[in-house]
Amino acid sequence: MFIDTSSLEGTVRGGIKDSLRFDEDLQVPTHRERNAREGEGRLWSVTTATMDEKAARVLIVEDERTLAGMVAAYLSRAGYTTSIVCSGTEAVLAVQEQSPDVVLLDLGLPGLDGIEVCRQIRTFSDCYVIVVTARKDEVDKLVGLSVGADDYVTKPFDVRELVARVQAVLRRPRAGIAARIYKQEPVWVFGDLRIDSAGRQVHLGGQPLALTPTERDLLIALAAHPGMAFTRRQLIEDVWGQGWVGDEHLVDVHIAHLRKKLNDDPDTGRYVATVRGVGYRMGRG
């Protein structure tokens, strides 16, 4: 069942603070306030969406309706179009019908859980998926990333951080190494691997490779400087953004999943090589 988010703005009921921290008086900051915040280095500083971002659609998949309504209200204030579904089955159908740009996916759904929802979404969509999980469920977080999620947020969370994570993933194609090199050298070839950065396409052995946006962005970042060894932090800054805060081993999970799709042995690193004590670099192919 789809929920009209307009009627839920500002709604607060008992129990929601177990999952969400929020400020009832929080308003979208003015231009002056945003300028004053520049350089703070905190991801969750909320800004209004840019002209390109205002068209972005965010699907919220959460069975706790009050929590979902509050998240939708803050995203709407930031300029995004939102919709809510409360079950895994509805989520898969909504992604097919609405083609959202971002899906906020609670892993603890009844029936079809968030892990299976993410797995099914990845069979037909490359939208950004941010999973939401309880802080104690470290295994769920890693499994969620392994089936194609792009980022994660743990409960309890600051709603402003969640909005900022949405802003960060939507800005990825225009930030970091990948965006800076599009017009300079849009295609790289490493053996059987062909990476078209401008077209956002990757081919292996002449066949298109189905990668998530995060996997594709990591590969482009590495390919842009094939002789450079990247630390986890450097890859996070180029793919997730300089203000991203969290466990840097997130990179390892995505690299492992990328290698699996490339049929790449981590011991030899034909396409993605491990540099011990540093991080990763592009392989020779």
Protein backbone atom coordinates (compact mmCIF):
# COMPACT_ATOMS: atom_id res chain seq x y z
CA MET A 1 0.00 0.00 0.00
CA PHE A 2 1.37 3.42 -0.96
CA ILE A 3 1.18 6.16 1.68
CA ASP A 4 0.46 9.82 1.03
CA THR A 5 3.47 11.45 2.71
CA SER A 6 1.97 14.93 2.84
CA SER A 7 -0.33 14.03 5.72
CA LEU A 8 2.49 12.67 7.87
CA GLU A 9 4.79 15.68 8.09
CA GLY A 10 5.52 16.67 11.68
CA THR A 11 3.85 13.57 13.15
CA VAL A 12 5.52 12.22 16.30
CA ARG A 13 4.31 9.33 18.39
CA GLY A 14 5.72 7.21 21.18
CA GLY A 15 8.44 4.79 20.23
CA ILE A 16 9.80 6.66 17.25
CA LYS A 17 12.76 8.04 19.18
CA ASP A 18 14.04 4.47 19.49
CA SER A 19 14.84 4.60 15.77
CA LEU A 20 15.19 8.29 14.95
CA ARG A 21 16.68 11.40 16.50
CA PHE A 22 15.21 14.61 15.20
CA ASP A 23 14.76 18.30 15.93
CA GLU A 24 11.16 19.44 15.55
CA ASP A 25 12.32 22.99 14.88
CA LEU A 26 14.83 22.04 12.19
CA GLN A 27 14.29 24.03 9.01
CA VAL A 28 16.13 23.83 5.71
CA PRO A 29 19.06 26.23 6.24
CA THR A 30 19.23 29.55 4.45
CA HIS A 31 21.90 30.30 1.87
CA ARG A 32 23.87 32.20 4.51
CA GLU A 33 23.65 29.32 6.98
CA ARG A 34 24.83 26.84 4.36
CA ASN A 35 27.80 29.02 3.51
CA ALA A 36 28.70 29.23 7.20
CA ARG A 37 28.72 25.44 7.40
CA GLU A 38 31.14 24.93 4.54
CA GLY A 39 34.32 23.29 5.74
CA GLU A 40 32.78 21.74 8.83
CA GLY A 41 33.40 18.26 7.40
CA ARG A 42 30.15 16.80 8.78
CA LEU A 43 28.12 14.81 6.33
CA TRP A 44 24.75 15.53 7.87
CA SER A 45 24.61 19.26 7.25
CA VAL A 46 21.30 19.53 5.38
CA THR A 47 21.06 21.61 2.22
CA THR A 48 18.31 22.12 -0.28
CA ALA A 49 18.47 20.05 -3.44
CA THR A 50 20.08 21.48 -6.54
CA MET A 51 18.05 21.92 -9.72
CA ASP A 52 19.20 18.48 -10.96
CA GLU A 53 18.43 16.85 -7.63
CA LYS A 54 14.91 18.28 -7.32
CA ALA A 55 13.68 15.77 -9.86
CA ALA A 56 15.11 12.91 -7.79
CA ARG A 57 12.61 10.36 -6.47
CA VAL A 58 13.20 8.60 -3.15
CA LEU A 59 11.32 5.44 -2.20
CA ILE A 60 11.15 4.78 1.56
CA VAL A 61 10.66 1.14 2.52
CA GLU A 62 9.82 1.01 6.22
CA ASP A 63 7.12 -0.89 8.11
CA GLU A 64 7.03 1.63 10.97
CA ARG A 65 4.79 4.22 9.37
CA THR A 66 5.47 7.08 11.76
CA LEU A 67 9.21 6.74 11.24
CA ALA A 68 8.71 6.54 7.48
CA GLY A 69 6.56 9.67 7.56
CA MET A 70 9.16 11.66 9.45
CA VAL A 71 11.92 10.64 7.04
CA ALA A 72 9.67 11.53 4.10
CA ALA A 73 8.91 14.94 5.64
CA TYR A 74 12.59 15.85 5.97
CA LEU A 75 13.37 14.64 2.46
CA SER A 76 10.46 16.66 1.11
CA ARG A 77 11.77 19.77 2.88
CA ALA A 78 15.10 19.20 1.15
CA GLY A 79 13.33 19.19 -2.23
CA TYR A 80 12.90 15.51 -3.09
CA THR A 81 9.83 13.63 -4.27
CA THR A 82 9.05 10.81 -1.84
CA SER A 83 6.80 7.77 -1.58
CA ILE A 84 6.44 5.11 1.10
CA VAL A 85 5.73 1.39 1.06
CA CYS A 86 5.58 -0.83 4.13
CA SER A 87 6.45 -4.32 2.89
CA GLY A 88 9.09 -6.02 0.80
CA THR A 89 6.68 -7.19 -1.88
CA GLU A 90 5.34 -3.65 -2.32
CA ALA A 91 8.91 -2.35 -2.49
CA VAL A 92 9.87 -4.54 -5.44
CA LEU A 93 6.71 -3.53 -7.31
CA ALA A 94 7.22 0.15 -6.48
CA VAL A 95 10.76 0.13 -7.88
CA GLN A 96 9.46 -1.47 -11.08
CA GLU A 97 6.63 1.04 -11.43
CA GLN A 98 8.24 4.25 -10.15
CA SER A 99 11.92 3.83 -11.15
CA PRO A 100 13.15 5.76 -8.09
CA ASP A 101 16.62 7.28 -7.99
CA VAL A 102 17.22 6.19 -4.39
CA VAL A 103 15.68 3.48 -2.21
CA LEU A 104 15.92 3.75 1.59
CA LEU A 105 15.49 0.12 2.60
CA ASP A 106 14.90 -1.14 6.13
CA LEU A 107 16.37 -4.63 6.43
CA GLY A 108 13.97 -5.71 9.21
CA LEU A 109 10.82 -5.98 7.11
CA PRO A 110 8.15 -8.60 7.83
CA GLY A 111 7.69 -11.32 5.22
CA LEU A 112 10.05 -10.57 2.33
CA ASP A 113 13.00 -9.08 4.22
CA GLY A 114 15.24 -6.25 3.08
CA ILE A 115 18.07 -8.54 1.97
CA GLU A 116 15.83 -10.40 -0.49
CA VAL A 117 14.24 -7.12 -1.61
CA CYS A 118 17.67 -5.71 -2.44
CA ARG A 119 18.62 -8.91 -4.25
CA GLN A 120 15.48 -8.74 -6.40
CA ILE A 121 15.86 -5.01 -7.11
CA ARG A 122 19.36 -5.60 -8.41
CA THR A 123 18.05 -7.98 -11.08
CA PHE A 124 16.38 -5.10 -12.93
CA SER A 125 17.46 -1.74 -11.47
CA ASP A 126 20.72 0.11 -10.77
CA CYS A 127 19.11 2.73 -8.51
CA TYR A 128 21.02 3.69 -5.38
CA VAL A 129 20.08 1.58 -2.37
CA ILE A 130 20.81 2.73 1.18
CA VAL A 131 20.04 0.06 3.76
CA VAL A 132 18.86 0.93 7.26
CA THR A 133 19.65 -1.55 10.03
CA ALA A 134 19.93 -1.74 13.82
CA ARG A 135 23.40 -0.90 15.14
CA LYS A 136 23.87 -4.41 16.55
CA ASP A 137 23.13 -6.14 13.25
CA GLU A 138 26.66 -5.93 11.78
CA VAL A 139 26.14 -9.14 9.83
CA ASP A 140 22.95 -7.76 8.25
CA LYS A 141 24.83 -4.64 7.19
CA LEU A 142 27.54 -6.65 5.45
CA VAL A 143 25.06 -9.01 3.82
CA GLY A 144 23.05 -6.04 2.60
CA LEU A 145 26.12 -4.57 0.96
CA SER A 146 27.06 -7.93 -0.56
CA VAL A 147 23.73 -8.18 -2.42
CA GLY A 148 24.10 -4.76 -3.99
CA ALA A 149 23.36 -1.98 -1.48
CA ASP A 150 25.43 1.17 -1.96
CA ASP A 151 25.53 2.53 1.57
CA TYR A 152 24.13 1.91 5.04
CA VAL A 153 22.77 3.84 8.00
CA THR A 154 22.40 2.33 11.47
CA LYS A 155 19.56 2.92 13.93
CA PRO A 156 19.21 5.13 15.85
CA PHE A 157 20.16 7.75 13.29
CA ASP A 158 20.00 11.50 12.95
CA VAL A 159 17.46 12.18 10.20
CA ARG A 160 19.71 14.94 8.85
CA GLU A 161 22.45 12.39 8.31
CA LEU A 162 20.05 10.23 6.33
CA VAL A 163 19.07 13.17 4.11
CA ALA A 164 22.75 13.99 3.60
CA ARG A 165 23.48 10.40 2.59
CA VAL A 166 20.79 10.67 -0.06
CA GLN A 167 22.32 13.92 -1.27
CA ALA A 168 25.77 12.32 -1.35
CA VAL A 169 24.84 9.34 -3.52
CA LEU A 170 22.92 11.53 -5.96
CA ARG A 171 25.96 13.75 -6.40
CA ARG A 172 28.42 10.93 -7.09
CA PRO A 173 28.45 11.17 -10.90
CA ARG A 174 29.40 14.87 -10.56
CA ALA A 175 32.07 14.44 -7.87
CA GLY A 176 35.42 12.78 -7.34
CA ILE A 177 37.89 11.39 -9.81
CA ALA A 178 35.32 9.82 -12.12
CA ALA A 179 33.64 13.14 -12.96
CA ARG A 180 36.91 15.00 -13.39
CA ILE A 181 38.19 12.63 -16.08
CA TYR A 182 35.05 12.02 -18.18
CA LYS A 183 35.95 14.57 -20.87
CA GLN A 184 39.68 13.74 -20.79
CA GLU A 185 39.77 9.98 -21.40
CA PRO A 186 36.33 8.36 -21.27
CA VAL A 187 37.33 4.77 -22.18
CA TRP A 188 39.94 2.41 -20.71
CA VAL A 189 40.82 -1.13 -21.71
CA PHE A 190 42.51 -3.62 -19.40
CA GLY A 191 42.77 -6.94 -21.22
CA ASP A 192 39.20 -8.20 -21.68
CA LEU A 193 37.81 -5.40 -19.50
CA ARG A 194 36.49 -2.24 -21.17
CA ILE A 195 35.38 0.70 -19.04
CA ASP A 196 33.39 3.51 -20.64
CA SER A 197 33.29 6.22 -17.99
CA ALA A 198 31.23 8.71 -19.98
CA GLY A 199 28.66 6.09 -20.96
CA ARG A 200 28.69 4.55 -17.48
CA GLN A 201 29.13 1.10 -19.04
CA VAL A 202 31.50 -1.78 -18.35
CA HIS A 203 32.10 -4.76 -20.64
CA LEU A 204 33.99 -7.96 -19.88
CA GLY A 205 34.90 -10.20 -22.80
CA GLY A 206 32.62 -8.14 -25.04
CA GLN A 207 29.60 -8.69 -22.78
CA PRO A 208 27.96 -5.95 -20.66
CA LEU A 209 28.67 -6.33 -16.96
CA ALA A 210 25.84 -5.64 -14.51
CA LEU A 211 27.40 -3.51 -11.79
CA THR A 212 25.79 -1.42 -9.08
CA PRO A 213 26.46 2.34 -9.24
CA THR A 214 28.94 2.03 -6.37
CA GLU A 215 30.83 -0.87 -7.96
CA ARG A 216 31.00 1.03 -11.24
CA ASP A 217 32.21 4.22 -9.56
CA LEU A 218 34.93 2.32 -7.67
CA LEU A 219 36.14 0.73 -10.89
CA ILE A 220 36.18 4.08 -12.70
CA ALA A 221 38.11 5.69 -9.83
CA LEU A 222 40.76 2.96 -9.99
CA ALA A 223 40.92 2.96 -13.79
CA ALA A 224 41.41 6.73 -13.97
CA HIS A 225 44.84 6.34 -12.34
CA PRO A 226 45.95 2.75 -13.05
CA GLY A 227 49.39 3.16 -11.52
CA MET A 228 48.16 4.66 -8.26
CA ALA A 229 47.63 2.72 -5.04
CA PHE A 230 44.52 4.03 -3.30
CA THR A 231 43.88 3.86 0.42
CA ARG A 232 40.38 3.06 1.60
CA ARG A 233 39.99 6.67 2.67
CA GLN A 234 40.94 7.98 -0.77
CA LEU A 235 38.40 5.71 -2.45
CA ILE A 236 35.71 6.75 0.01
CA GLU A 237 36.38 10.42 -0.66
CA ASP A 238 36.19 9.91 -4.42
CA VAL A 239 33.12 7.65 -4.46
CA TRP A 240 31.12 8.42 -1.30
CA GLY A 241 32.32 12.01 -0.78
CA GLN A 242 34.74 13.77 1.54
CA GLY A 243 32.22 14.18 4.34
CA TRP A 244 31.30 10.49 4.57
CA VAL A 245 31.53 9.07 8.09
CA GLY A 246 31.45 5.35 8.88
CA ASP A 247 33.40 2.10 8.73
CA GLU A 248 36.02 2.36 5.97
CA HIS A 249 35.94 -1.43 5.53
CA LEU A 250 32.81 -0.70 3.52
CA VAL A 251 35.26 -0.40 0.62
CA ASP A 252 36.47 -3.98 1.12
CA VAL A 253 32.92 -5.33 0.88
CA HIS A 254 32.25 -3.56 -2.42
CA ILE A 255 35.66 -4.53 -3.83
CA ALA A 256 35.00 -8.19 -2.97
CA HIS A 257 31.64 -8.05 -4.72
CA LEU A 258 33.19 -6.29 -7.73
CA ARG A 259 35.91 -8.95 -7.98
CA LYS A 260 33.29 -11.69 -7.92
CA LYS A 261 31.49 -10.16 -10.90
CA LEU A 262 34.82 -9.75 -12.71
CA ASN A 263 35.79 -13.38 -11.96
CA ASP A 264 38.94 -11.85 -10.50
CA ASP A 265 41.14 -13.84 -8.14
CA PRO A 266 42.15 -11.56 -5.24
CA ASP A 267 45.51 -13.36 -5.00
CA THR A 268 46.49 -12.40 -8.54
CA GLY A 269 44.44 -9.20 -8.93
CA ARG A 270 44.12 -9.27 -12.69
CA TYR A 271 41.67 -6.36 -12.65
CA VAL A 272 41.67 -5.12 -9.05
CA ALA A 273 44.95 -5.66 -7.21
CA THR A 274 45.55 -5.49 -3.48
CA VAL A 275 48.48 -3.36 -2.36
CA ARG A 276 49.41 -4.69 1.06
CA GLY A 277 49.57 -2.05 3.75
CA VAL A 278 47.96 0.52 1.48
CA GLY A 279 44.74 -0.54 -0.26
CA TYR A 280 43.93 -1.18 -3.93
CA ARG A 281 45.03 -0.30 -7.44
CA MET A 282 43.90 -1.18 -10.95
CA GLY A 283 45.29 -4.47 -12.28
CA ARG A 284 46.95 -4.90 -15.65
CA GLY A 285 44.14 -6.98 -17.13
